[in-house]
């Protein structure tokens, strides 16, 4: 019997979350077919600290979805610096680490976020 994509992603998600110790804020990524969203969450207080997405009104990047993901990663890292967040735990949310997810992570690292 074949495993559905959604079930497979849920299993990977749980495997990733097991490694999270809760000491660092978590950078969670969600990607839809058109847009990409990222947020930094403090799990101990259950609060979202910083948010960035390609759907914001102030978002001006155009081009491919990968280029939009790079722009979102840069914006997120800048907002994290303003909120005095330097280091995070990267939660790829069950997605494979390539393409848009990797582009967002690399852009956030280049902008100064540590994970």
PDB file of N, CA and C in Angstrom:
ATOM      1  N   UNK A   1       0.841  -1.178   0.000  1.00  0.00           N
ATOM      2  CA  UNK A   1       0.000   0.000   0.000  1.00  0.00           C
ATOM      3  C   UNK A   1       0.891   1.248   0.000  1.00  0.00           C
ATOM      4  N   UNK A   2       0.597   2.177  -0.889  1.00  0.00           N
ATOM      5  CA  UNK A   2       1.405   3.385  -1.031  1.00  0.00           C
ATOM      6  C   UNK A   2       1.090   4.390   0.073  1.00  0.00           C
ATOM      7  N   UNK A   3       2.105   5.081   0.504  1.00  0.00           N
ATOM      8  CA  UNK A   3       1.951   6.119   1.520  1.00  0.00           C
ATOM      9  C   UNK A   3       1.678   7.443   0.800  1.00  0.00           C
ATOM     10  N   UNK A   4       0.677   8.175   1.256  1.00  0.00           N
ATOM     11  CA  UNK A   4       0.351   9.447   0.615  1.00  0.00           C
ATOM     12  C   UNK A   4       1.413  10.490   0.944  1.00  0.00           C
ATOM     13  N   UNK A   5       1.488  11.527   0.125  1.00  0.00           N
ATOM     14  CA  UNK A   5       2.462  12.593   0.343  1.00  0.00           C
ATOM     15  C   UNK A   5       2.212  13.292   1.671  1.00  0.00           C
ATOM     16  N   UNK A   6       0.953  13.504   1.974  1.00  0.00           N
ATOM     17  CA  UNK A   6       0.603  14.208   3.198  1.00  0.00           C
ATOM     18  C   UNK A   6       1.018  13.399   4.437  1.00  0.00           C
ATOM     19  N   UNK A   7       0.795  12.093   4.434  1.00  0.00           N
ATOM     20  CA  UNK A   7       1.170  11.244   5.552  1.00  0.00           C
ATOM     21  C   UNK A   7       2.689  11.207   5.692  1.00  0.00           C
ATOM     22  N   UNK A   8       3.389  11.111   4.567  1.00  0.00           N
ATOM     23  CA  UNK A   8       4.849  11.094   4.581  1.00  0.00           C
ATOM     24  C   UNK A   8       5.391  12.388   5.176  1.00  0.00           C
ATOM     25  N   UNK A   9       4.799  13.524   4.778  1.00  0.00           N
ATOM     26  CA  UNK A   9       5.239  14.818   5.284  1.00  0.00           C
ATOM     27  C   UNK A   9       4.990  14.927   6.781  1.00  0.00           C
ATOM     28  N   UNK A  10       3.869  14.406   7.264  1.00  0.00           N
ATOM     29  CA  UNK A  10       3.573  14.428   8.703  1.00  0.00           C
ATOM     30  C   UNK A  10       4.604  13.618   9.492  1.00  0.00           C
ATOM     31  N   UNK A  11       5.003  12.482   8.958  1.00  0.00           N
ATOM     32  CA  UNK A  11       6.015  11.660   9.631  1.00  0.00           C
ATOM     33  C   UNK A  11       7.354  12.380   9.696  1.00  0.00           C
ATOM     34  N   UNK A  12       7.759  13.014   8.598  1.00  0.00           N
ATOM     35  CA  UNK A  12       9.015  13.757   8.571  1.00  0.00           C
ATOM     36  C   UNK A  12       8.952  14.923   9.552  1.00  0.00           C
ATOM     37  N   UNK A  13       7.792  15.592   9.602  1.00  0.00           N
ATOM     38  CA  UNK A  13       7.589  16.713  10.508  1.00  0.00           C
ATOM     39  C   UNK A  13       7.841  16.305  11.955  1.00  0.00           C
ATOM     40  N   UNK A  14       7.283  15.168  12.348  1.00  0.00           N
ATOM     41  CA  UNK A  14       7.459  14.689  13.717  1.00  0.00           C
ATOM     42  C   UNK A  14       8.914  14.345  14.007  1.00  0.00           C
ATOM     43  N   UNK A  15       9.600  13.792  13.029  1.00  0.00           N
ATOM     44  CA  UNK A  15      11.006  13.454  13.195  1.00  0.00           C
ATOM     45  C   UNK A  15      11.844  14.713  13.423  1.00  0.00           C
ATOM     46  N   UNK A  16      11.524  15.780  12.683  1.00  0.00           N
ATOM     47  CA  UNK A  16      12.253  17.037  12.822  1.00  0.00           C
ATOM     48  C   UNK A  16      11.950  17.673  14.174  1.00  0.00           C
ATOM     49  N   UNK A  17      10.681  17.683  14.575  1.00  0.00           N
ATOM     50  CA  UNK A  17      10.273  18.329  15.818  1.00  0.00           C
ATOM     51  C   UNK A  17      10.842  17.620  17.048  1.00  0.00           C
ATOM     52  N   UNK A  18      11.122  16.308  16.919  1.00  0.00           N
ATOM     53  CA  UNK A  18      11.719  15.575  18.033  1.00  0.00           C
ATOM     54  C   UNK A  18      13.086  16.137  18.395  1.00  0.00           C
ATOM     55  N   UNK A  19      13.806  16.644  17.393  1.00  0.00           N
ATOM     56  CA  UNK A  19      15.156  17.151  17.605  1.00  0.00           C
ATOM     57  C   UNK A  19      15.163  18.534  18.243  1.00  0.00           C
ATOM     58  N   UNK A  20      14.031  19.233  18.196  1.00  0.00           N
ATOM     59  CA  UNK A  20      13.938  20.574  18.763  1.00  0.00           C
ATOM     60  C   UNK A  20      13.938  20.482  20.289  1.00  0.00           C
ATOM     61  N   UNK A  21      14.893  21.156  20.929  1.00  0.00           N
ATOM     62  CA  UNK A  21      14.994  21.109  22.380  1.00  0.00           C
ATOM     63  C   UNK A  21      14.114  22.156  23.048  1.00  0.00           C
ATOM     64  N   UNK A  22      13.681  23.153  22.300  1.00  0.00           N
ATOM     65  CA  UNK A  22      12.851  24.206  22.853  1.00  0.00           C
ATOM     66  C   UNK A  22      13.648  25.366  23.416  1.00  0.00           C
ATOM     67  N   UNK A  23      14.976  25.296  23.342  1.00  0.00           N
ATOM     68  CA  UNK A  23      15.810  26.379  23.854  1.00  0.00           C
ATOM     69  C   UNK A  23      15.873  27.552  22.889  1.00  0.00           C
ATOM     70  N   UNK A  24      15.794  27.258  21.594  1.00  0.00           N
ATOM     71  CA  UNK A  24      15.868  28.303  20.569  1.00  0.00           C
ATOM     72  C   UNK A  24      14.500  28.526  19.940  1.00  0.00           C
ATOM     73  N   UNK A  25      14.247  29.734  19.444  1.00  0.00           N
ATOM     74  CA  UNK A  25      13.021  29.942  18.674  1.00  0.00           C
ATOM     75  C   UNK A  25      13.078  29.107  17.393  1.00  0.00           C
ATOM     76  N   UNK A  26      11.924  28.745  16.879  1.00  0.00           N
ATOM     77  CA  UNK A  26      11.841  27.858  15.718  1.00  0.00           C
ATOM     78  C   UNK A  26      11.452  28.650  14.478  1.00  0.00           C
ATOM     79  N   UNK A  27      12.230  28.502  13.392  1.00  0.00           N
ATOM     80  CA  UNK A  27      11.898  29.125  12.116  1.00  0.00           C
ATOM     81  C   UNK A  27      11.125  28.093  11.301  1.00  0.00           C
ATOM     82  N   UNK A  28       9.835  28.314  11.149  1.00  0.00           N
ATOM     83  CA  UNK A  28       8.966  27.372  10.452  1.00  0.00           C
ATOM     84  C   UNK A  28       8.655  27.894   9.058  1.00  0.00           C
ATOM     85  N   UNK A  29       8.727  27.013   8.067  1.00  0.00           N
ATOM     86  CA  UNK A  29       8.489  27.377   6.671  1.00  0.00           C
ATOM     87  C   UNK A  29       7.257  26.641   6.165  1.00  0.00           C
ATOM     88  N   UNK A  30       6.395  27.363   5.443  1.00  0.00           N
ATOM     89  CA  UNK A  30       5.265  26.742   4.763  1.00  0.00           C
ATOM     90  C   UNK A  30       5.272  27.227   3.329  1.00  0.00           C
ATOM     91  N   UNK A  31       5.113  26.311   2.409  1.00  0.00           N
ATOM     92  CA  UNK A  31       5.052  26.713   1.003  1.00  0.00           C
ATOM     93  C   UNK A  31       3.786  26.166   0.373  1.00  0.00           C
ATOM     94  N   UNK A  32       3.102  27.026  -0.345  1.00  0.00           N
ATOM     95  CA  UNK A  32       1.952  26.599  -1.133  1.00  0.00           C
ATOM     96  C   UNK A  32       2.409  26.553  -2.590  1.00  0.00           C
ATOM     97  N   UNK A  33       1.494  26.323  -3.495  1.00  0.00           N
ATOM     98  CA  UNK A  33       1.886  26.250  -4.894  1.00  0.00           C
ATOM     99  C   UNK A  33       2.393  27.588  -5.424  1.00  0.00           C
ATOM    100  N   UNK A  34       1.857  28.693  -4.913  1.00  0.00           N
ATOM    101  CA  UNK A  34       2.245  30.013  -5.416  1.00  0.00           C
ATOM    102  C   UNK A  34       3.095  30.822  -4.447  1.00  0.00           C
ATOM    103  N   UNK A  35       2.833  30.714  -3.163  1.00  0.00           N
ATOM    104  CA  UNK A  35       3.447  31.597  -2.172  1.00  0.00           C
ATOM    105  C   UNK A  35       4.343  30.814  -1.220  1.00  0.00           C
ATOM    106  N   UNK A  36       5.115  31.563  -0.419  1.00  0.00           N
ATOM    107  CA  UNK A  36       5.932  30.959   0.640  1.00  0.00           C
ATOM    108  C   UNK A  36       5.823  31.826   1.885  1.00  0.00           C
ATOM    109  N   UNK A  37       5.723  31.189   3.031  1.00  0.00           N
ATOM    110  CA  UNK A  37       5.536  31.868   4.308  1.00  0.00           C
ATOM    111  C   UNK A  37       6.591  31.356   5.276  1.00  0.00           C
ATOM    112  N   UNK A  38       7.088  32.248   6.132  1.00  0.00           N
ATOM    113  CA  UNK A  38       8.048  31.848   7.159  1.00  0.00           C
ATOM    114  C   UNK A  38       7.753  32.623   8.431  1.00  0.00           C
ATOM    115  N   UNK A  39       7.908  31.950   9.561  1.00  0.00           N
ATOM    116  CA  UNK A  39       7.701  32.630  10.839  1.00  0.00           C
ATOM    117  C   UNK A  39       8.651  32.068  11.881  1.00  0.00           C
ATOM    118  N   UNK A  40       9.005  32.922  12.812  1.00  0.00           N
ATOM    119  CA  UNK A  40       9.835  32.504  13.934  1.00  0.00           C
ATOM    120  C   UNK A  40       8.929  32.436  15.152  1.00  0.00           C
ATOM    121  N   UNK A  41       8.912  31.261  15.787  1.00  0.00           N
ATOM    122  CA  UNK A  41       7.966  30.976  16.861  1.00  0.00           C
ATOM    123  C   UNK A  41       8.719  30.649  18.145  1.00  0.00           C
ATOM    124  N   UNK A  42       8.239  31.185  19.264  1.00  0.00           N
ATOM    125  CA  UNK A  42       8.751  30.808  20.576  1.00  0.00           C
ATOM    126  C   UNK A  42       7.787  29.756  21.125  1.00  0.00           C
ATOM    127  N   UNK A  43       8.175  28.501  21.096  1.00  0.00           N
ATOM    128  CA  UNK A  43       7.280  27.415  21.488  1.00  0.00           C
ATOM    129  C   UNK A  43       6.991  27.381  22.987  1.00  0.00           C
ATOM    130  N   UNK A  44       7.912  27.864  23.808  1.00  0.00           N
ATOM    131  CA  UNK A  44       7.676  27.832  25.248  1.00  0.00           C
ATOM    132  C   UNK A  44       6.548  28.794  25.643  1.00  0.00           C
ATOM    133  N   UNK A  45       6.476  29.948  24.970  1.00  0.00           N
ATOM    134  CA  UNK A  45       5.405  30.914  25.243  1.00  0.00           C
ATOM    135  C   UNK A  45       4.245  30.782  24.259  1.00  0.00           C
ATOM    136  N   UNK A  46       4.418  29.950  23.227  1.00  0.00           N
ATOM    137  CA  UNK A  46       3.412  29.750  22.184  1.00  0.00           C
ATOM    138  C   UNK A  46       3.046  31.067  21.506  1.00  0.00           C
ATOM    139  N   UNK A  47       4.093  31.822  21.110  1.00  0.00           N
ATOM    140  CA  UNK A  47       3.883  33.110  20.447  1.00  0.00           C
ATOM    141  C   UNK A  47       4.729  33.197  19.191  1.00  0.00           C
ATOM    142  N   UNK A  48       4.163  33.846  18.176  1.00  0.00           N
ATOM    143  CA  UNK A  48       4.896  34.124  16.952  1.00  0.00           C
ATOM    144  C   UNK A  48       5.656  35.421  17.149  1.00  0.00           C
ATOM    145  N   UNK A  49       6.967  35.387  16.892  1.00  0.00           N
ATOM    146  CA  UNK A  49       7.809  36.547  17.129  1.00  0.00           C
ATOM    147  C   UNK A  49       7.987  37.397  15.869  1.00  0.00           C
ATOM    148  N   UNK A  50       8.241  36.736  14.737  1.00  0.00           N
ATOM    149  CA  UNK A  50       8.507  37.438  13.478  1.00  0.00           C
ATOM    150  C   UNK A  50       7.832  36.683  12.345  1.00  0.00           C
ATOM    151  N   UNK A  51       7.276  37.424  11.373  1.00  0.00           N
ATOM    152  CA  UNK A  51       6.596  36.811  10.236  1.00  0.00           C
ATOM    153  C   UNK A  51       7.056  37.485   8.952  1.00  0.00           C
ATOM    154  N   UNK A  52       7.175  36.695   7.883  1.00  0.00           N
ATOM    155  CA  UNK A  52       7.432  37.230   6.544  1.00  0.00           C
ATOM    156  C   UNK A  52       6.798  36.291   5.534  1.00  0.00           C
ATOM    157  N   UNK A  53       6.227  36.854   4.488  1.00  0.00           N
ATOM    158  CA  UNK A  53       5.647  36.022   3.438  1.00  0.00           C
ATOM    159  C   UNK A  53       5.709  36.750   2.107  1.00  0.00           C
ATOM    160  N   UNK A  54       5.519  35.996   1.045  1.00  0.00           N
ATOM    161  CA  UNK A  54       5.539  36.583  -0.291  1.00  0.00           C
ATOM    162  C   UNK A  54       4.186  37.185  -0.640  1.00  0.00           C
ATOM    163  N   UNK A  55       3.250  37.127   0.278  1.00  0.00           N
ATOM    164  CA  UNK A  55       1.909  37.634   0.027  1.00  0.00           C
ATOM    165  C   UNK A  55       1.663  38.993   0.673  1.00  0.00           C
ATOM    166  N   UNK A  56       2.657  39.538   1.360  1.00  0.00           N
ATOM    167  CA  UNK A  56       2.518  40.832   2.025  1.00  0.00           C
ATOM    168  C   UNK A  56       2.366  41.946   1.005  1.00  0.00           C
ATOM    169  N   UNK A  57       1.691  43.015   1.400  1.00  0.00           N
ATOM    170  CA  UNK A  57       1.492  44.144   0.498  1.00  0.00           C
ATOM    171  C   UNK A  57       2.804  44.880   0.226  1.00  0.00           C
ATOM    172  N   UNK A  58       3.718  44.877   1.201  1.00  0.00           N
ATOM    173  CA  UNK A  58       4.989  45.577   1.034  1.00  0.00           C
ATOM    174  C   UNK A  58       6.008  44.750   0.253  1.00  0.00           C
ATOM    175  N   UNK A  59       5.672  43.523  -0.058  1.00  0.00           N
ATOM    176  CA  UNK A  59       6.585  42.616  -0.771  1.00  0.00           C
ATOM    177  C   UNK A  59       6.656  43.035  -2.234  1.00  0.00           C
ATOM    178  N   UNK A  60       7.857  43.290  -2.741  1.00  0.00           N
ATOM    179  CA  UNK A  60       7.999  43.825  -4.084  1.00  0.00           C
ATOM    180  C   UNK A  60       8.795  42.936  -5.032  1.00  0.00           C
ATOM    181  N   UNK A  61       9.225  41.781  -4.605  1.00  0.00           N
ATOM    182  CA  UNK A  61      10.038  40.918  -5.460  1.00  0.00           C
ATOM    183  C   UNK A  61       9.173  40.297  -6.551  1.00  0.00           C
ATOM    184  N   UNK A  62       9.705  40.276  -7.729  1.00  0.00           N
ATOM    185  CA  UNK A  62       9.015  39.596  -8.820  1.00  0.00           C
ATOM    186  C   UNK A  62       9.993  38.598  -9.423  1.00  0.00           C
ATOM    187  N   UNK A  63       9.496  37.717 -10.242  1.00  0.00           N
ATOM    188  CA  UNK A  63      10.341  36.702 -10.843  1.00  0.00           C
ATOM    189  C   UNK A  63       9.842  35.323 -10.493  1.00  0.00           C
ATOM    190  N   UNK A  64      10.765  34.395 -10.406  1.00  0.00           N
ATOM    191  CA  UNK A  64      10.389  33.019 -10.132  1.00  0.00           C
ATOM    192  C   UNK A  64      10.054  32.840  -8.660  1.00  0.00           C
ATOM    193  N   UNK A  65       9.464  31.702  -8.342  1.00  0.00           N
ATOM    194  CA  UNK A  65       9.109  31.406  -6.954  1.00  0.00           C
ATOM    195  C   UNK A  65      10.353  31.286  -6.083  1.00  0.00           C
ATOM    196  N   UNK A  66      11.453  30.810  -6.664  1.00  0.00           N
ATOM    197  CA  UNK A  66      12.702  30.688  -5.910  1.00  0.00           C
ATOM    198  C   UNK A  66      13.250  32.065  -5.555  1.00  0.00           C
ATOM    199  N   UNK A  67      13.150  33.008  -6.482  1.00  0.00           N
ATOM    200  CA  UNK A  67      13.614  34.369  -6.204  1.00  0.00           C
ATOM    201  C   UNK A  67      12.760  35.019  -5.118  1.00  0.00           C
ATOM    202  N   UNK A  68      11.463  34.738  -5.126  1.00  0.00           N
ATOM    203  CA  UNK A  68      10.585  35.251  -4.078  1.00  0.00           C
ATOM    204  C   UNK A  68      10.961  34.654  -2.725  1.00  0.00           C
ATOM    205  N   UNK A  69      11.318  33.361  -2.704  1.00  0.00           N
ATOM    206  CA  UNK A  69      11.712  32.703  -1.458  1.00  0.00           C
ATOM    207  C   UNK A  69      12.989  33.335  -0.904  1.00  0.00           C
ATOM    208  N   UNK A  70      13.936  33.679  -1.778  1.00  0.00           N
ATOM    209  CA  UNK A  70      15.166  34.342  -1.336  1.00  0.00           C
ATOM    210  C   UNK A  70      14.845  35.683  -0.687  1.00  0.00           C
ATOM    211  N   UNK A  71      13.935  36.427  -1.307  1.00  0.00           N
ATOM    212  CA  UNK A  71      13.562  37.736  -0.777  1.00  0.00           C
ATOM    213  C   UNK A  71      12.879  37.592   0.587  1.00  0.00           C
ATOM    214  N   UNK A  72      12.032  36.592   0.736  1.00  0.00           N
ATOM    215  CA  UNK A  72      11.352  36.358   2.016  1.00  0.00           C
ATOM    216  C   UNK A  72      12.375  36.004   3.094  1.00  0.00           C
ATOM    217  N   UNK A  73      13.367  35.180   2.763  1.00  0.00           N
ATOM    218  CA  UNK A  73      14.415  34.828   3.721  1.00  0.00           C
ATOM    219  C   UNK A  73      15.199  36.038   4.189  1.00  0.00           C
ATOM    220  N   UNK A  74      15.506  36.942   3.270  1.00  0.00           N
ATOM    221  CA  UNK A  74      16.242  38.152   3.622  1.00  0.00           C
ATOM    222  C   UNK A  74      15.403  39.059   4.518  1.00  0.00           C
ATOM    223  N   UNK A  75      14.132  39.242   4.163  1.00  0.00           N
ATOM    224  CA  UNK A  75      13.231  40.076   4.957  1.00  0.00           C
ATOM    225  C   UNK A  75      13.073  39.507   6.364  1.00  0.00           C
ATOM    226  N   UNK A  76      12.909  38.183   6.454  1.00  0.00           N
ATOM    227  CA  UNK A  76      12.736  37.536   7.753  1.00  0.00           C
ATOM    228  C   UNK A  76      13.965  37.739   8.637  1.00  0.00           C
ATOM    229  N   UNK A  77      15.153  37.601   8.068  1.00  0.00           N
ATOM    230  CA  UNK A  77      16.379  37.767   8.847  1.00  0.00           C
ATOM    231  C   UNK A  77      16.532  39.210   9.338  1.00  0.00           C
ATOM    232  N   UNK A  78      16.158  40.175   8.496  1.00  0.00           N
ATOM    233  CA  UNK A  78      16.242  41.576   8.911  1.00  0.00           C
ATOM    234  C   UNK A  78      15.274  41.860  10.061  1.00  0.00           C
ATOM    235  N   UNK A  79      14.065  41.319   9.964  1.00  0.00           N
ATOM    236  CA  UNK A  79      13.084  41.518  11.027  1.00  0.00           C
ATOM    237  C   UNK A  79      13.505  40.803  12.307  1.00  0.00           C
ATOM    238  N   UNK A  80      14.174  39.669  12.162  1.00  0.00           N
ATOM    239  CA  UNK A  80      14.671  38.945  13.335  1.00  0.00           C
ATOM    240  C   UNK A  80      15.762  39.753  14.039  1.00  0.00           C
ATOM    241  N   UNK A  81      16.618  40.407  13.265  1.00  0.00           N
ATOM    242  CA  UNK A  81      17.651  41.254  13.867  1.00  0.00           C
ATOM    243  C   UNK A  81      17.023  42.395  14.658  1.00  0.00           C
ATOM    244  N   UNK A  82      15.952  42.992  14.086  1.00  0.00           N
ATOM    245  CA  UNK A  82      15.264  44.075  14.789  1.00  0.00           C
ATOM    246  C   UNK A  82      14.643  43.582  16.098  1.00  0.00           C
ATOM    247  N   UNK A  83      14.185  42.322  16.096  1.00  0.00           N
ATOM    248  CA  UNK A  83      13.593  41.734  17.302  1.00  0.00           C
ATOM    249  C   UNK A  83      14.650  41.112  18.212  1.00  0.00           C
ATOM    250  N   UNK A  84      15.919  41.310  17.876  1.00  0.00           N
ATOM    251  CA  UNK A  84      17.059  40.810  18.653  1.00  0.00           C
ATOM    252  C   UNK A  84      17.069  39.288  18.751  1.00  0.00           C
ATOM    253  N   UNK A  85      16.790  38.637  17.609  1.00  0.00           N
ATOM    254  CA  UNK A  85      16.863  37.180  17.514  1.00  0.00           C
ATOM    255  C   UNK A  85      18.043  36.862  16.606  1.00  0.00           C
ATOM    256  N   UNK A  86      19.021  36.136  17.124  1.00  0.00           N
ATOM    257  CA  UNK A  86      20.213  35.851  16.345  1.00  0.00           C
ATOM    258  C   UNK A  86      20.329  34.405  15.901  1.00  0.00           C
ATOM    259  N   UNK A  87      19.778  33.498  16.691  1.00  0.00           N
ATOM    260  CA  UNK A  87      19.928  32.080  16.403  1.00  0.00           C
ATOM    261  C   UNK A  87      18.575  31.400  16.508  1.00  0.00           C
ATOM    262  N   UNK A  88      18.287  30.499  15.546  1.00  0.00           N
ATOM    263  CA  UNK A  88      16.999  29.800  15.514  1.00  0.00           C
ATOM    264  C   UNK A  88      17.203  28.330  15.187  1.00  0.00           C
ATOM    265  N   UNK A  89      16.161  27.545  15.428  1.00  0.00           N
ATOM    266  CA  UNK A  89      16.108  26.142  15.019  1.00  0.00           C
ATOM    267  C   UNK A  89      15.306  26.094  13.723  1.00  0.00           C
ATOM    268  N   UNK A  90      15.869  25.548  12.649  1.00  0.00           N
ATOM    269  CA  UNK A  90      15.201  25.549  11.344  1.00  0.00           C
ATOM    270  C   UNK A  90      14.259  24.358  11.237  1.00  0.00           C
ATOM    271  N   UNK A  91      12.976  24.641  11.033  1.00  0.00           N
ATOM    272  CA  UNK A  91      11.948  23.619  10.875  1.00  0.00           C
ATOM    273  C   UNK A  91      11.447  23.698   9.433  1.00  0.00           C
ATOM    274  N   UNK A  92      11.845  22.740   8.615  1.00  0.00           N
ATOM    275  CA  UNK A  92      11.448  22.778   7.209  1.00  0.00           C
ATOM    276  C   UNK A  92      10.046  22.230   7.003  1.00  0.00           C
ATOM    277  N   UNK A  93       9.387  21.841   8.080  1.00  0.00           N
ATOM    278  CA  UNK A  93       7.973  21.483   8.072  1.00  0.00           C
ATOM    279  C   UNK A  93       7.660  20.269   7.203  1.00  0.00           C
ATOM    280  N   UNK A  94       8.607  19.350   7.086  1.00  0.00           N
ATOM    281  CA  UNK A  94       8.368  18.120   6.333  1.00  0.00           C
ATOM    282  C   UNK A  94       8.712  18.217   4.866  1.00  0.00           C
ATOM    283  N   UNK A  95       9.075  19.408   4.389  1.00  0.00           N
ATOM    284  CA  UNK A  95       9.435  19.578   2.985  1.00  0.00           C
ATOM    285  C   UNK A  95      10.894  19.167   2.785  1.00  0.00           C
ATOM    286  N   UNK A  96      11.212  18.730   1.588  1.00  0.00           N
ATOM    287  CA  UNK A  96      12.588  18.400   1.274  1.00  0.00           C
ATOM    288  C   UNK A  96      13.426  19.668   1.273  1.00  0.00           C
ATOM    289  N   UNK A  97      14.681  19.553   1.702  1.00  0.00           N
ATOM    290  CA  UNK A  97      15.564  20.714   1.770  1.00  0.00           C
ATOM    291  C   UNK A  97      16.197  20.935   0.413  1.00  0.00           C
ATOM    292  N   UNK A  98      15.416  21.472  -0.513  1.00  0.00           N
ATOM    293  CA  UNK A  98      15.944  21.892  -1.797  1.00  0.00           C
ATOM    294  C   UNK A  98      14.920  22.808  -2.450  1.00  0.00           C
ATOM    295  N   UNK A  99      15.328  23.504  -3.466  1.00  0.00           N
ATOM    296  CA  UNK A  99      14.414  24.413  -4.144  1.00  0.00           C
ATOM    297  C   UNK A  99      14.113  25.646  -3.318  1.00  0.00           C
ATOM    298  N   UNK A 100      12.828  25.943  -3.148  1.00  0.00           N
ATOM    299  CA  UNK A 100      12.418  27.164  -2.458  1.00  0.00           C
ATOM    300  C   UNK A 100      12.776  27.163  -0.983  1.00  0.00           C
ATOM    301  N   UNK A 101      12.686  26.018  -0.330  1.00  0.00           N
ATOM    302  CA  UNK A 101      13.010  25.932   1.097  1.00  0.00           C
ATOM    303  C   UNK A 101      14.503  26.210   1.307  1.00  0.00           C
ATOM    304  N   UNK A 102      15.327  25.643   0.468  1.00  0.00           N
ATOM    305  CA  UNK A 102      16.771  25.871   0.565  1.00  0.00           C
ATOM    306  C   UNK A 102      17.120  27.318   0.242  1.00  0.00           C
ATOM    307  N   UNK A 103      16.453  27.892  -0.759  1.00  0.00           N
ATOM    308  CA  UNK A 103      16.713  29.284  -1.135  1.00  0.00           C
ATOM    309  C   UNK A 103      16.377  30.221   0.022  1.00  0.00           C
ATOM    310  N   UNK A 104      15.264  29.980   0.697  1.00  0.00           N
ATOM    311  CA  UNK A 104      14.880  30.800   1.843  1.00  0.00           C
ATOM    312  C   UNK A 104      15.900  30.672   2.967  1.00  0.00           C
ATOM    313  N   UNK A 105      16.318  29.451   3.259  1.00  0.00           N
ATOM    314  CA  UNK A 105      17.281  29.210   4.338  1.00  0.00           C
ATOM    315  C   UNK A 105      18.630  29.857   4.037  1.00  0.00           C
ATOM    316  N   UNK A 106      19.103  29.713   2.807  1.00  0.00           N
ATOM    317  CA  UNK A 106      20.392  30.298   2.432  1.00  0.00           C
ATOM    318  C   UNK A 106      20.359  31.821   2.510  1.00  0.00           C
ATOM    319  N   UNK A 107      19.253  32.413   2.055  1.00  0.00           N
ATOM    320  CA  UNK A 107      19.130  33.874   2.098  1.00  0.00           C
ATOM    321  C   UNK A 107      19.090  34.369   3.541  1.00  0.00           C
ATOM    322  N   UNK A 108      18.413  33.636   4.415  1.00  0.00           N
ATOM    323  CA  UNK A 108      18.355  34.023   5.826  1.00  0.00           C
ATOM    324  C   UNK A 108      19.732  33.914   6.472  1.00  0.00           C
ATOM    325  N   UNK A 109      20.484  32.884   6.108  1.00  0.00           N
ATOM    326  CA  UNK A 109      21.851  32.734   6.646  1.00  0.00           C
ATOM    327  C   UNK A 109      22.744  33.873   6.176  1.00  0.00           C
ATOM    328  N   UNK A 110      22.645  34.213   4.885  1.00  0.00           N
ATOM    329  CA  UNK A 110      23.472  35.294   4.336  1.00  0.00           C
ATOM    330  C   UNK A 110      23.156  36.629   4.996  1.00  0.00           C
ATOM    331  N   UNK A 111      21.893  36.815   5.400  1.00  0.00           N
ATOM    332  CA  UNK A 111      21.485  38.073   6.035  1.00  0.00           C
ATOM    333  C   UNK A 111      21.823  38.096   7.522  1.00  0.00           C
ATOM    334  N   UNK A 112      22.402  37.018   8.050  1.00  0.00           N
ATOM    335  CA  UNK A 112      22.910  37.053   9.417  1.00  0.00           C
ATOM    336  C   UNK A 112      22.220  36.164  10.427  1.00  0.00           C
ATOM    337  N   UNK A 113      21.228  35.407  10.035  1.00  0.00           N
ATOM    338  CA  UNK A 113      20.548  34.502  10.964  1.00  0.00           C
ATOM    339  C   UNK A 113      21.371  33.212  11.109  1.00  0.00           C
ATOM    340  N   UNK A 114      21.508  32.709  12.306  1.00  0.00           N
ATOM    341  CA  UNK A 114      22.325  31.512  12.563  1.00  0.00           C
ATOM    342  C   UNK A 114      21.419  30.339  12.868  1.00  0.00           C
ATOM    343  N   UNK A 115      21.610  29.210  12.118  1.00  0.00           N
ATOM    344  CA  UNK A 115      20.926  27.948  12.421  1.00  0.00           C
ATOM    345  C   UNK A 115      21.655  26.798  11.823  1.00  0.00           C
TER     346      UNK A 115
END
